Amino acid sequence: MGKAILLFSDGYSISEIARGTEAECRKIMTNKYNDAADNVEALWLEQSYCEENDAILYMNGEDVFIWKVICF
């Protein structure tokens, strides 16, 4: 499995969260998504998702968290 980078955006800025293998970055992304989703209402969770290499979490009607695993 190749190298990867995990990026995160809160809708205002983009930052690097981690570098490592694709599997490591996916695990970190899933954990971050699940941790943040604990505080989100069911209505917004229905519209959110965490898939293989990307995740979108609608925090409320205005804020959105986005994660993306980029493989290289």
C-alpha atoms as a PDB file:
ATOM      1  CA  MET A   1       0.000   0.000   0.000  1.00  0.00           C
ATOM      2  CA  GLY A   2       1.355   3.420  -0.975  1.00  0.00           C
ATOM      3  CA  LYS A   3       1.936   6.627   0.895  1.00  0.00           C
ATOM      4  CA  ALA A   4      -0.879   9.040   1.657  1.00  0.00           C
ATOM      5  CA  ILE A   5      -1.693  12.375   3.224  1.00  0.00           C
ATOM      6  CA  LEU A   6      -4.838  13.262   5.174  1.00  0.00           C
ATOM      7  CA  LEU A   7      -6.222  16.755   4.654  1.00  0.00           C
ATOM      8  CA  PHE A   8      -8.938  18.486   6.684  1.00  0.00           C
ATOM      9  CA  SER A   9     -11.057  21.572   6.086  1.00  0.00           C
ATOM     10  CA  ASP A  10     -13.521  23.290   8.382  1.00  0.00           C
ATOM     11  CA  GLY A  11     -14.794  25.407   5.503  1.00  0.00           C
ATOM     12  CA  TYR A  12     -12.449  28.260   6.340  1.00  0.00           C
ATOM     13  CA  SER A  13      -9.003  26.720   6.006  1.00  0.00           C
ATOM     14  CA  ILE A  14      -7.286  23.519   4.874  1.00  0.00           C
ATOM     15  CA  SER A  15      -4.707  21.712   6.976  1.00  0.00           C
ATOM     16  CA  GLU A  16      -2.650  18.557   6.879  1.00  0.00           C
ATOM     17  CA  ILE A  17      -3.641  16.134   9.619  1.00  0.00           C
ATOM     18  CA  ALA A  18      -1.337  13.181   8.949  1.00  0.00           C
ATOM     19  CA  ARG A  19       1.095  11.474   6.573  1.00  0.00           C
ATOM     20  CA  GLY A  20       1.645   7.754   6.411  1.00  0.00           C
ATOM     21  CA  THR A  21       0.233   4.746   4.669  1.00  0.00           C
ATOM     22  CA  GLU A  22      -3.191   4.852   3.074  1.00  0.00           C
ATOM     23  CA  ALA A  23      -4.544   2.562   5.797  1.00  0.00           C
ATOM     24  CA  GLU A  24      -3.136   4.739   8.600  1.00  0.00           C
ATOM     25  CA  CYS A  25      -4.638   7.895   7.099  1.00  0.00           C
ATOM     26  CA  ARG A  26      -8.019   6.196   6.601  1.00  0.00           C
ATOM     27  CA  LYS A  27      -8.049   5.047  10.227  1.00  0.00           C
ATOM     28  CA  ILE A  28      -7.230   8.542  11.502  1.00  0.00           C
ATOM     29  CA  MET A  29      -9.917  10.047   9.244  1.00  0.00           C
ATOM     30  CA  THR A  30     -12.544   7.573  10.476  1.00  0.00           C
ATOM     31  CA  ASN A  31     -11.630   8.222  14.116  1.00  0.00           C
ATOM     32  CA  LYS A  32     -11.760  12.017  13.650  1.00  0.00           C
ATOM     33  CA  TYR A  33     -15.114  11.749  11.862  1.00  0.00           C
ATOM     34  CA  ASN A  34     -16.600   9.515  14.573  1.00  0.00           C
ATOM     35  CA  ASP A  35     -15.323  11.758  17.372  1.00  0.00           C
ATOM     36  CA  ALA A  36     -16.808  14.877  15.757  1.00  0.00           C
ATOM     37  CA  ALA A  37     -20.077  13.085  14.874  1.00  0.00           C
ATOM     38  CA  ASP A  38     -20.759  12.390  18.561  1.00  0.00           C
ATOM     39  CA  ASN A  39     -21.942  15.997  18.931  1.00  0.00           C
ATOM     40  CA  VAL A  40     -24.077  16.258  15.775  1.00  0.00           C
ATOM     41  CA  GLU A  41     -27.879  16.072  15.570  1.00  0.00           C
ATOM     42  CA  ALA A  42     -29.421  13.130  13.692  1.00  0.00           C
ATOM     43  CA  LEU A  43     -30.768  15.400  10.929  1.00  0.00           C
ATOM     44  CA  TRP A  44     -27.228  16.431   9.957  1.00  0.00           C
ATOM     45  CA  LEU A  45     -25.788  12.934  10.363  1.00  0.00           C
ATOM     46  CA  GLU A  46     -28.221  11.630   7.732  1.00  0.00           C
ATOM     47  CA  GLN A  47     -26.607  13.957   5.188  1.00  0.00           C
ATOM     48  CA  SER A  48     -23.042  13.191   6.289  1.00  0.00           C
ATOM     49  CA  TYR A  49     -20.821  10.277   5.290  1.00  0.00           C
ATOM     50  CA  CYS A  50     -17.440   8.662   5.851  1.00  0.00           C
ATOM     51  CA  GLU A  51     -16.279   6.553   2.924  1.00  0.00           C
ATOM     52  CA  GLU A  52     -13.023   5.007   1.780  1.00  0.00           C
ATOM     53  CA  ASN A  53     -10.947   8.123   1.101  1.00  0.00           C
ATOM     54  CA  ASP A  54     -13.191  11.024   2.047  1.00  0.00           C
ATOM     55  CA  ALA A  55     -15.680  12.153   4.636  1.00  0.00           C
ATOM     56  CA  ILE A  56     -18.095  15.054   4.999  1.00  0.00           C
ATOM     57  CA  LEU A  57     -19.725  15.919   8.300  1.00  0.00           C
ATOM     58  CA  TYR A  58     -22.451  18.547   8.406  1.00  0.00           C
ATOM     59  CA  MET A  59     -22.125  19.969  11.889  1.00  0.00           C
ATOM     60  CA  ASN A  60     -25.232  22.162  11.600  1.00  0.00           C
ATOM     61  CA  GLY A  61     -26.864  24.324   8.940  1.00  0.00           C
ATOM     62  CA  GLU A  62     -23.683  26.362   8.447  1.00  0.00           C
ATOM     63  CA  ASP A  63     -20.524  24.454   9.389  1.00  0.00           C
ATOM     64  CA  VAL A  64     -19.117  21.513   7.421  1.00  0.00           C
ATOM     65  CA  PHE A  65     -16.046  19.405   8.191  1.00  0.00           C
ATOM     66  CA  ILE A  66     -14.297  17.689   5.266  1.00  0.00           C
ATOM     67  CA  TRP A  67     -11.535  15.075   5.324  1.00  0.00           C
ATOM     68  CA  LYS A  68      -9.717  13.726   2.266  1.00  0.00           C
ATOM     69  CA  VAL A  69      -7.082  10.997   1.964  1.00  0.00           C
ATOM     70  CA  ILE A  70      -4.835  11.615  -1.033  1.00  0.00           C
ATOM     71  CA  CYS A  71      -2.648   8.714  -2.161  1.00  0.00           C
ATOM     72  CA  PHE A  72       0.661   9.148  -3.955  1.00  0.00           C
END
